[in-house]
C-alpha cells in the first residue's frame, strides 16, 4: 500500500501496474508507474527515515522506511529502479512456500473442494466459528471467505468471553484491537476456563512483538489483516 500510494502521488498520467512473480523461493511483489521518476542524486536516500523526495506531496517521509523494516524483519528484501521523467518500479521480495493450484470456485461455476473446510478433529461436521471483530468491512471479508461455515459475530472482547462461556466453538478468530476489551485481554480470560478451542489472532500489525504478545496471551496462530483467503482457509486443514 505504501508503494501504491507513492505511485499515485507521483503519476499524473499514464499507468500504474501492480503484480507479482514467484522467484528465489518466495514472492516478489512490485508496483510500476509511469510517473515523474526519482532524480539520480536522490535515489540513495529513498528508503531512509523522514525522506520526502517530493516536498509538494503529503506524507511524513516514513512510509518507505516502515516498508523496509517490515519486509526485512520477515527475512525479505526491498528495492527499486527509477528513470527520471519515465517512471519507477518498487518491489519487495518475501521468502515463503508457494503452492499454485486451481481449486475452482464461484467465478467458474464450480464449488470449492470440501476437504479444505475441515479441521482434522472435526470429523467433517459443519464448523462453528466465533468472529470477534468490530470493523464491518473486516468482518464482511471474513464472512465472504468463510461462507460455508456457521459464523457468530461479536464486536468486543467482553462479548467474546461471554459467548465462549455460553456456547462451544470449533475456532475463534480474535481481533486484537476492539472497544470495551481488546483481543489480548479477552484471550487471557478465555484461557482461564477454556484451554482447548483454537484462537487465531487477527491484527493490522505484522511486527514480531505483536505475534509474541498474541502467543503469550494464549493464541494458537496469528494472521495479519487484511486476511488472505488461502491463509484463512488453511487454518481448517491444519492439525491443532
Protein backbone atom coordinates (compact mmCIF):
# COMPACT_ATOMS: atom_id res chain seq x y z
CA UNK A 1 0.00 0.00 0.00
CA UNK A 2 2.89 2.38 0.65
CA UNK A 3 4.28 1.65 -2.81
CA UNK A 4 0.87 2.18 -4.38
CA UNK A 5 0.22 5.43 -2.50
CA UNK A 6 3.54 6.86 -3.65
CA UNK A 7 2.88 5.82 -7.24
CA UNK A 8 -0.48 7.60 -7.20
CA UNK A 9 1.11 10.78 -5.81
CA UNK A 10 3.79 10.83 -8.49
CA UNK A 11 1.85 9.73 -11.59
CA UNK A 12 -0.23 12.40 -13.31
CA UNK A 13 -0.87 10.35 -16.45
CA UNK A 14 -0.04 7.01 -17.96
CA UNK A 15 -0.34 3.87 -15.85
CA UNK A 16 0.25 2.17 -12.51
CA UNK A 17 0.77 -1.59 -12.56
CA UNK A 18 0.65 -3.96 -9.58
CA UNK A 19 1.80 -7.54 -9.82
CA UNK A 20 3.97 -10.33 -8.52
CA UNK A 21 6.38 -13.01 -9.67
CA UNK A 22 7.38 -16.26 -7.98
CA UNK A 23 11.16 -16.40 -7.72
CA UNK A 24 14.10 -17.34 -5.49
CA UNK A 25 11.98 -19.35 -3.08
CA UNK A 26 9.47 -16.60 -2.46
CA UNK A 27 7.25 -13.93 -3.98
CA UNK A 28 8.37 -10.63 -5.46
CA UNK A 29 5.61 -8.01 -5.31
CA UNK A 30 6.01 -4.87 -7.41
CA UNK A 31 4.35 -1.55 -8.21
CA UNK A 32 5.36 0.05 -11.51
CA UNK A 33 4.38 3.54 -12.63
CA UNK A 34 4.93 5.95 -15.48
CA UNK A 35 5.32 8.91 -13.16
CA UNK A 36 7.97 11.54 -12.58
CA UNK A 37 10.71 9.17 -11.52
CA UNK A 38 13.37 9.95 -8.90
CA UNK A 39 16.40 12.18 -9.61
CA UNK A 40 19.63 10.18 -9.62
CA UNK A 41 21.18 12.27 -6.85
CA UNK A 42 18.27 11.42 -4.51
CA UNK A 43 17.98 7.71 -5.17
CA UNK A 44 20.36 6.68 -2.38
CA UNK A 45 18.02 8.30 0.17
CA UNK A 46 14.79 6.62 -0.90
CA UNK A 47 14.38 4.09 1.93
CA UNK A 48 15.74 6.40 4.64
CA UNK A 49 13.66 7.76 7.51
CA UNK A 50 11.94 11.13 7.08
CA UNK A 51 12.98 11.32 3.44
CA UNK A 52 10.40 13.28 1.44
CA UNK A 53 11.65 13.35 -2.12
CA UNK A 54 8.66 15.40 -3.25
CA UNK A 55 8.05 18.36 -0.95
CA UNK A 56 4.68 19.05 -2.56
CA UNK A 57 3.23 15.62 -1.75
CA UNK A 58 1.51 14.84 1.54
CA UNK A 59 3.15 12.43 3.95
CA UNK A 60 5.74 12.14 6.71
CA UNK A 61 8.54 10.56 4.72
CA UNK A 62 8.33 7.39 6.84
CA UNK A 63 6.32 5.13 4.54
CA UNK A 64 9.19 3.51 2.66
CA UNK A 65 11.31 3.21 5.80
CA UNK A 66 8.46 1.34 7.52
CA UNK A 67 8.00 -0.85 4.45
CA UNK A 68 11.68 -1.75 4.51
CA UNK A 69 11.61 -2.53 8.24
CA UNK A 70 8.60 -4.84 7.93
CA UNK A 71 9.92 -6.71 4.90
CA UNK A 72 13.44 -7.15 6.28
CA UNK A 73 12.03 -8.34 9.62
CA UNK A 74 10.32 -11.11 7.63
CA UNK A 75 13.63 -12.07 6.01
CA UNK A 76 12.87 -10.30 2.75
CA UNK A 77 14.38 -7.57 0.61
CA UNK A 78 13.21 -4.29 -0.91
CA UNK A 79 14.46 -2.29 -3.87
CA UNK A 80 13.56 -0.12 -6.82
CA UNK A 81 14.58 1.11 -10.23
CA UNK A 82 13.76 4.61 -11.45
CA UNK A 83 14.38 6.71 -14.53
CA UNK A 84 13.71 10.45 -14.10
CA UNK A 85 10.85 11.56 -16.32
CA UNK A 86 9.94 7.97 -17.22
CA UNK A 87 8.79 6.20 -14.07
CA UNK A 88 9.70 3.88 -11.23
CA UNK A 89 9.28 0.28 -10.15
CA UNK A 90 9.33 -0.52 -6.42
CA UNK A 91 9.48 -4.12 -5.29
CA UNK A 92 9.52 -6.28 -2.15
CA UNK A 93 10.66 -9.88 -2.11
CA UNK A 94 9.37 -12.14 0.67
CA UNK A 95 10.56 -15.69 1.36
CA UNK A 96 7.72 -18.18 1.53
CA UNK A 97 6.49 -21.55 0.33
CA UNK A 98 4.39 -21.14 -2.79
CA UNK A 99 1.68 -23.56 -3.84
CA UNK A 100 -0.18 -22.73 -7.04
CA UNK A 101 -3.39 -24.67 -7.54
CA UNK A 102 -6.81 -24.27 -9.08
CA UNK A 103 -9.48 -25.19 -6.56
CA UNK A 104 -12.38 -23.89 -8.59
CA UNK A 105 -14.92 -21.51 -7.07
CA UNK A 106 -17.95 -19.35 -7.70
CA UNK A 107 -16.26 -17.45 -10.52
CA UNK A 108 -16.25 -20.50 -12.80
CA UNK A 109 -19.37 -22.17 -11.50
CA UNK A 110 -17.53 -24.87 -9.54
CA UNK A 111 -17.71 -25.46 -5.81
CA UNK A 112 -14.51 -25.49 -3.72
CA UNK A 113 -13.42 -28.89 -2.52
CA UNK A 114 -14.90 -29.59 0.91
CA UNK A 115 -11.64 -31.04 2.19
CA UNK A 116 -10.27 -27.52 2.61
CA UNK A 117 -13.04 -26.64 5.05
CA UNK A 118 -12.37 -29.28 7.69
CA UNK A 119 -10.39 -29.25 10.89
CA UNK A 120 -8.92 -32.73 11.28
CA UNK A 121 -10.59 -33.34 14.65
CA UNK A 122 -13.96 -32.04 13.44
CA UNK A 123 -14.72 -35.22 11.52
CA UNK A 124 -16.39 -33.41 8.63
CA UNK A 125 -19.09 -31.65 10.58
CA UNK A 126 -20.12 -28.08 9.85
CA UNK A 127 -17.86 -25.90 11.91
CA UNK A 128 -18.89 -23.18 14.35
CA UNK A 129 -16.61 -20.17 14.22
CA UNK A 130 -16.69 -17.19 16.57
CA UNK A 131 -15.51 -13.98 14.90
CA UNK A 132 -14.62 -11.18 17.33
CA UNK A 133 -14.36 -8.14 15.04
CA UNK A 134 -15.73 -4.61 15.48
CA UNK A 135 -14.97 -3.37 11.95
CA UNK A 136 -17.79 -4.14 9.49
CA UNK A 137 -15.51 -4.23 6.46
CA UNK A 138 -13.09 -6.69 8.03
CA UNK A 139 -15.96 -8.91 9.14
CA UNK A 140 -17.56 -8.90 5.69
CA UNK A 141 -14.27 -10.09 4.20
CA UNK A 142 -14.07 -12.98 6.66
CA UNK A 143 -17.76 -13.75 6.09
CA UNK A 144 -17.22 -13.88 2.33
CA UNK A 145 -14.27 -16.27 2.63
CA UNK A 146 -15.96 -18.48 5.23
CA UNK A 147 -19.40 -18.52 3.66
CA UNK A 148 -19.56 -22.33 4.09
CA UNK A 149 -19.26 -22.03 7.87
CA UNK A 150 -21.60 -21.28 10.75
CA UNK A 151 -20.32 -17.87 11.90
CA UNK A 152 -21.18 -15.99 15.07
CA UNK A 153 -20.03 -12.39 15.34
CA UNK A 154 -19.27 -10.33 18.44
CA UNK A 155 -17.87 -6.79 18.44
CA UNK A 156 -15.75 -6.58 21.56
CA UNK A 157 -13.79 -8.75 23.96
CA UNK A 158 -16.43 -8.81 26.68
CA UNK A 159 -18.97 -10.25 24.24
CA UNK A 160 -16.39 -12.78 23.04
CA UNK A 161 -15.72 -14.08 26.56
CA UNK A 162 -19.44 -14.36 27.28
CA UNK A 163 -20.10 -16.26 24.03
CA UNK A 164 -17.36 -18.78 24.75
CA UNK A 165 -18.78 -19.27 28.24
CA UNK A 166 -22.25 -19.91 26.87
CA UNK A 167 -21.51 -21.87 23.68
CA UNK A 168 -18.98 -24.25 22.11
CA UNK A 169 -16.97 -23.20 19.05
CA UNK A 170 -14.52 -25.05 16.83
CA UNK A 171 -12.39 -21.95 16.21
CA UNK A 172 -12.17 -18.35 17.44
CA UNK A 173 -10.94 -15.50 15.21
CA UNK A 174 -9.92 -12.74 17.61
CA UNK A 175 -9.28 -9.14 16.56
CA UNK A 176 -6.59 -7.67 18.78
CA UNK A 177 -7.96 -4.11 18.90
CA UNK A 178 -11.61 -3.76 19.89
CA UNK A 179 -13.58 -1.36 22.10
CA UNK A 180 -14.50 -2.18 25.72
CA UNK A 181 -12.00 -5.05 25.87
CA UNK A 182 -9.23 -5.86 23.39
CA UNK A 183 -8.37 -9.25 21.98
CA UNK A 184 -5.33 -9.89 24.16
CA UNK A 185 -7.26 -9.44 27.41
CA UNK A 186 -10.22 -11.42 26.06
CA UNK A 187 -7.91 -14.29 25.09
CA UNK A 188 -6.34 -14.36 28.54
CA UNK A 189 -9.78 -14.52 30.18
CA UNK A 190 -10.95 -17.29 27.83
CA UNK A 191 -7.83 -19.31 28.60
CA UNK A 192 -8.73 -19.22 32.29
CA UNK A 193 -11.63 -21.61 31.63
CA UNK A 194 -11.05 -22.91 28.08
CA UNK A 195 -7.66 -24.22 27.04
CA UNK A 196 -8.74 -26.31 24.06
CA UNK A 197 -10.50 -24.11 21.49
CA UNK A 198 -8.00 -22.73 18.95
CA UNK A 199 -7.78 -18.93 18.97
CA UNK A 200 -6.30 -17.10 15.98
CA UNK A 201 -5.19 -13.51 16.45
CA UNK A 202 -6.16 -11.02 13.73
CA UNK A 203 -4.25 -7.75 13.65
CA UNK A 204 -3.22 -4.98 11.28
CA UNK A 205 0.27 -5.04 12.79
CA UNK A 206 2.78 -7.51 11.39
CA UNK A 207 5.63 -6.95 13.83
CA UNK A 208 7.25 -9.84 15.68
CA UNK A 209 6.43 -8.21 19.04
CA UNK A 210 2.71 -8.36 18.24
CA UNK A 211 2.96 -12.05 17.38
CA UNK A 212 4.80 -12.76 20.61
CA UNK A 213 2.17 -10.89 22.65
CA UNK A 214 -0.63 -12.83 20.97
CA UNK A 215 1.00 -16.21 21.57
CA UNK A 216 1.84 -15.34 25.17
CA UNK A 217 -1.81 -14.37 25.76
CA UNK A 218 -2.91 -17.83 24.60
CA UNK A 219 -3.47 -17.54 20.85
CA UNK A 220 -2.53 -20.56 18.73
CA UNK A 221 -1.82 -18.69 15.50
CA UNK A 222 -1.55 -15.19 14.05
CA UNK A 223 -2.89 -13.67 10.81
CA UNK A 224 -2.25 -10.14 9.54
CA UNK A 225 -5.07 -8.02 8.13
CA UNK A 226 -6.44 -7.89 5.57
CA UNK A 227 -6.72 -11.65 5.83
CA UNK A 228 -5.84 -13.68 2.74
CA UNK A 229 -8.20 -16.38 1.53
CA UNK A 230 -5.60 -19.16 1.33
CA UNK A 231 -4.21 -18.35 4.79
CA UNK A 232 -7.63 -18.26 6.41
CA UNK A 233 -8.85 -21.47 4.78
CA UNK A 234 -5.52 -23.08 5.60
CA UNK A 235 -6.42 -22.89 9.28
CA UNK A 236 -9.08 -25.55 8.69
CA UNK A 237 -6.74 -28.15 7.26
CA UNK A 238 -4.04 -27.95 9.91
CA UNK A 239 -3.78 -30.11 12.99
CA UNK A 240 -4.19 -28.06 16.14
